[in-house]
Amino acid sequence: MSESKQVNVSKTSVPVIAIVALAIIFAGGLFVVGFDQGHIFSLVYGEKAFQDLYIHELTHDMRHIAGFPCH
């Protein structure tokens, strides 16, 4: 009779690509919440985006909670 051995291999490390992707998402989110003053929409709306501040108004309270001064 032959014996069979079961080998369990568990991979517990996080893939580097996942860490890089999350870092890029975090940096983008930090820019949008903390520093955007119309820059993102200025690509589409031009100078009007700096006057309307759509992202700023949407993330206004989140900025204060995160400690970013905005006015």
N, C-alpha and C. Protein backbone atom coordinates (compact mmCIF):
# COMPACT_ATOMS: atom_id res chain seq x y z
N MET A 1 0.84 -1.17 0.00
CA MET A 1 0.00 0.00 0.00
C MET A 1 0.89 1.24 0.00
N SER A 2 0.53 2.24 -0.82
CA SER A 2 1.36 3.45 -0.90
C SER A 2 0.77 4.55 -0.02
N GLU A 3 1.67 5.34 0.49
CA GLU A 3 1.25 6.47 1.33
C GLU A 3 1.17 7.73 0.48
N SER A 4 0.17 8.53 0.71
CA SER A 4 0.08 9.82 0.03
C SER A 4 0.25 10.92 1.07
N LYS A 5 1.04 11.90 0.69
CA LYS A 5 1.28 13.01 1.60
C LYS A 5 0.60 14.26 1.03
N GLN A 6 -0.05 14.96 1.90
CA GLN A 6 -0.69 16.19 1.48
C GLN A 6 0.19 17.36 1.90
N VAL A 7 0.47 18.23 0.95
CA VAL A 7 1.30 19.39 1.22
C VAL A 7 0.43 20.63 1.08
N ASN A 8 0.35 21.38 2.13
CA ASN A 8 -0.41 22.64 2.11
C ASN A 8 0.56 23.79 1.96
N VAL A 9 0.35 24.59 0.94
CA VAL A 9 1.17 25.77 0.73
C VAL A 9 0.27 26.99 0.84
N SER A 10 0.59 27.83 1.77
CA SER A 10 -0.22 29.04 1.92
C SER A 10 0.66 30.25 1.62
N LYS A 11 0.11 31.14 0.84
CA LYS A 11 0.84 32.34 0.47
C LYS A 11 0.24 33.48 1.29
N THR A 12 1.01 34.00 2.22
CA THR A 12 0.49 35.03 3.11
C THR A 12 0.99 36.42 2.75
N SER A 13 1.86 36.55 1.80
CA SER A 13 2.36 37.88 1.46
C SER A 13 1.42 38.57 0.47
N VAL A 14 1.39 39.88 0.55
CA VAL A 14 0.55 40.68 -0.33
C VAL A 14 1.35 40.99 -1.60
N PRO A 15 0.75 40.82 -2.76
CA PRO A 15 1.47 41.10 -4.00
C PRO A 15 1.88 42.58 -4.08
N VAL A 16 3.04 42.82 -4.62
CA VAL A 16 3.58 44.17 -4.72
C VAL A 16 2.68 45.04 -5.60
N ILE A 17 2.13 44.47 -6.65
CA ILE A 17 1.26 45.24 -7.54
C ILE A 17 0.03 45.76 -6.79
N ALA A 18 -0.48 45.01 -5.83
CA ALA A 18 -1.62 45.46 -5.04
C ALA A 18 -1.24 46.64 -4.15
N ILE A 19 -0.06 46.59 -3.57
CA ILE A 19 0.41 47.70 -2.73
C ILE A 19 0.61 48.95 -3.57
N VAL A 20 1.19 48.80 -4.75
CA VAL A 20 1.40 49.95 -5.64
C VAL A 20 0.07 50.54 -6.07
N ALA A 21 -0.88 49.69 -6.44
CA ALA A 21 -2.19 50.17 -6.87
C ALA A 21 -2.90 50.92 -5.74
N LEU A 22 -2.85 50.39 -4.54
CA LEU A 22 -3.48 51.07 -3.41
C LEU A 22 -2.78 52.38 -3.08
N ALA A 23 -1.47 52.44 -3.22
CA ALA A 23 -0.73 53.69 -2.98
C ALA A 23 -1.14 54.76 -3.99
N ILE A 24 -1.33 54.37 -5.24
CA ILE A 24 -1.76 55.32 -6.27
C ILE A 24 -3.18 55.82 -5.98
N ILE A 25 -4.06 54.91 -5.60
CA ILE A 25 -5.43 55.29 -5.26
C ILE A 25 -5.44 56.22 -4.04
N PHE A 26 -4.62 55.92 -3.06
CA PHE A 26 -4.54 56.75 -1.86
C PHE A 26 -4.02 58.14 -2.20
N ALA A 27 -2.97 58.21 -3.02
CA ALA A 27 -2.41 59.52 -3.40
C ALA A 27 -3.42 60.34 -4.19
N GLY A 28 -4.14 59.68 -5.09
CA GLY A 28 -5.17 60.38 -5.85
C GLY A 28 -6.28 60.90 -4.96
N GLY A 29 -6.72 60.07 -4.04
CA GLY A 29 -7.77 60.48 -3.10
C GLY A 29 -7.31 61.61 -2.19
N LEU A 30 -6.07 61.55 -1.75
CA LEU A 30 -5.52 62.60 -0.91
C LEU A 30 -5.49 63.93 -1.66
N PHE A 31 -5.12 63.88 -2.93
CA PHE A 31 -5.11 65.10 -3.73
C PHE A 31 -6.51 65.66 -3.89
N VAL A 32 -7.47 64.80 -4.21
CA VAL A 32 -8.84 65.26 -4.43
C VAL A 32 -9.42 65.86 -3.16
N VAL A 33 -9.25 65.18 -2.04
CA VAL A 33 -9.85 65.66 -0.79
C VAL A 33 -9.08 66.85 -0.22
N GLY A 34 -7.77 66.80 -0.30
CA GLY A 34 -6.98 67.80 0.40
C GLY A 34 -6.54 69.00 -0.39
N PHE A 35 -6.30 68.86 -1.67
CA PHE A 35 -5.64 69.93 -2.39
C PHE A 35 -6.36 70.42 -3.64
N ASP A 36 -7.33 69.72 -4.13
CA ASP A 36 -7.96 70.11 -5.38
C ASP A 36 -8.76 71.40 -5.21
N GLN A 37 -8.47 72.37 -6.04
CA GLN A 37 -9.20 73.65 -6.04
C GLN A 37 -9.74 73.91 -7.44
N GLY A 38 -10.18 72.87 -8.11
CA GLY A 38 -10.70 73.00 -9.45
C GLY A 38 -9.80 72.43 -10.52
N HIS A 39 -8.68 71.84 -10.12
CA HIS A 39 -7.70 71.34 -11.07
C HIS A 39 -8.22 70.18 -11.92
N ILE A 40 -8.96 69.27 -11.30
CA ILE A 40 -9.43 68.09 -12.03
C ILE A 40 -10.44 68.47 -13.11
N PHE A 41 -11.43 69.27 -12.75
CA PHE A 41 -12.44 69.65 -13.72
C PHE A 41 -11.96 70.73 -14.67
N SER A 42 -10.83 71.37 -14.40
CA SER A 42 -10.32 72.39 -15.31
C SER A 42 -9.90 71.78 -16.64
N LEU A 43 -9.63 70.49 -16.65
CA LEU A 43 -9.29 69.83 -17.90
C LEU A 43 -10.48 69.84 -18.86
N VAL A 44 -11.69 69.86 -18.31
CA VAL A 44 -12.91 69.83 -19.12
C VAL A 44 -13.54 71.22 -19.20
N TYR A 45 -13.68 71.89 -18.05
CA TYR A 45 -14.42 73.15 -17.99
C TYR A 45 -13.54 74.40 -18.14
N GLY A 46 -12.23 74.24 -18.09
CA GLY A 46 -11.34 75.39 -18.22
C GLY A 46 -11.33 76.24 -16.96
N GLU A 47 -11.21 77.54 -17.13
CA GLU A 47 -11.10 78.47 -16.00
C GLU A 47 -12.35 78.50 -15.13
N LYS A 48 -13.49 78.16 -15.67
CA LYS A 48 -14.74 78.16 -14.90
C LYS A 48 -14.68 77.18 -13.73
N ALA A 49 -13.92 76.11 -13.87
CA ALA A 49 -13.82 75.12 -12.80
C ALA A 49 -13.14 75.70 -11.57
N PHE A 50 -12.23 76.66 -11.74
CA PHE A 50 -11.56 77.27 -10.59
C PHE A 50 -12.50 78.21 -9.84
N GLN A 51 -13.54 78.68 -10.50
CA GLN A 51 -14.52 79.54 -9.83
C GLN A 51 -15.61 78.72 -9.15
N ASP A 52 -16.03 77.63 -9.78
CA ASP A 52 -17.13 76.84 -9.24
C ASP A 52 -16.70 75.89 -8.13
N LEU A 53 -15.51 75.35 -8.19
CA LEU A 53 -14.96 74.46 -7.15
C LEU A 53 -15.88 73.30 -6.79
N TYR A 54 -16.27 72.52 -7.78
CA TYR A 54 -17.19 71.39 -7.58
C TYR A 54 -16.65 70.38 -6.56
N ILE A 55 -15.43 69.92 -6.76
CA ILE A 55 -14.85 68.91 -5.86
C ILE A 55 -14.67 69.51 -4.47
N HIS A 56 -14.25 70.75 -4.40
CA HIS A 56 -14.06 71.41 -3.10
C HIS A 56 -15.36 71.42 -2.31
N GLU A 57 -16.45 71.76 -2.96
CA GLU A 57 -17.73 71.81 -2.27
C GLU A 57 -18.22 70.42 -1.87
N LEU A 58 -17.94 69.42 -2.69
CA LEU A 58 -18.35 68.05 -2.35
C LEU A 58 -17.56 67.48 -1.19
N THR A 59 -16.31 67.86 -1.06
CA THR A 59 -15.44 67.29 -0.03
C THR A 59 -15.15 68.28 1.09
N HIS A 60 -15.93 69.34 1.19
CA HIS A 60 -15.64 70.41 2.14
C HIS A 60 -15.56 69.91 3.59
N ASP A 61 -16.58 69.22 4.06
CA ASP A 61 -16.58 68.75 5.44
C ASP A 61 -15.50 67.70 5.68
N MET A 62 -15.26 66.87 4.67
CA MET A 62 -14.22 65.86 4.81
C MET A 62 -12.84 66.51 4.97
N ARG A 63 -12.63 67.63 4.32
CA ARG A 63 -11.37 68.36 4.47
C ARG A 63 -11.17 68.80 5.91
N HIS A 64 -12.21 69.37 6.52
CA HIS A 64 -12.08 69.83 7.89
C HIS A 64 -11.86 68.68 8.86
N ILE A 65 -12.55 67.57 8.63
CA ILE A 65 -12.37 66.41 9.52
C ILE A 65 -10.94 65.87 9.40
N ALA A 66 -10.37 65.90 8.19
CA ALA A 66 -9.01 65.40 7.97
C ALA A 66 -7.95 66.41 8.40
N GLY A 67 -8.35 67.63 8.73
CA GLY A 67 -7.40 68.63 9.22
C GLY A 67 -6.82 69.52 8.12
N PHE A 68 -7.42 69.52 6.93
CA PHE A 68 -6.95 70.38 5.85
C PHE A 68 -7.66 71.73 5.95
N PRO A 69 -6.92 72.81 6.06
CA PRO A 69 -7.57 74.11 6.01
C PRO A 69 -7.97 74.43 4.57
N CYS A 70 -9.13 74.99 4.37
CA CYS A 70 -9.54 75.27 3.00
C CYS A 70 -10.09 76.67 2.83
N HIS A 71 -10.18 77.44 3.89
CA HIS A 71 -10.59 78.84 3.75
C HIS A 71 -10.17 79.62 4.95
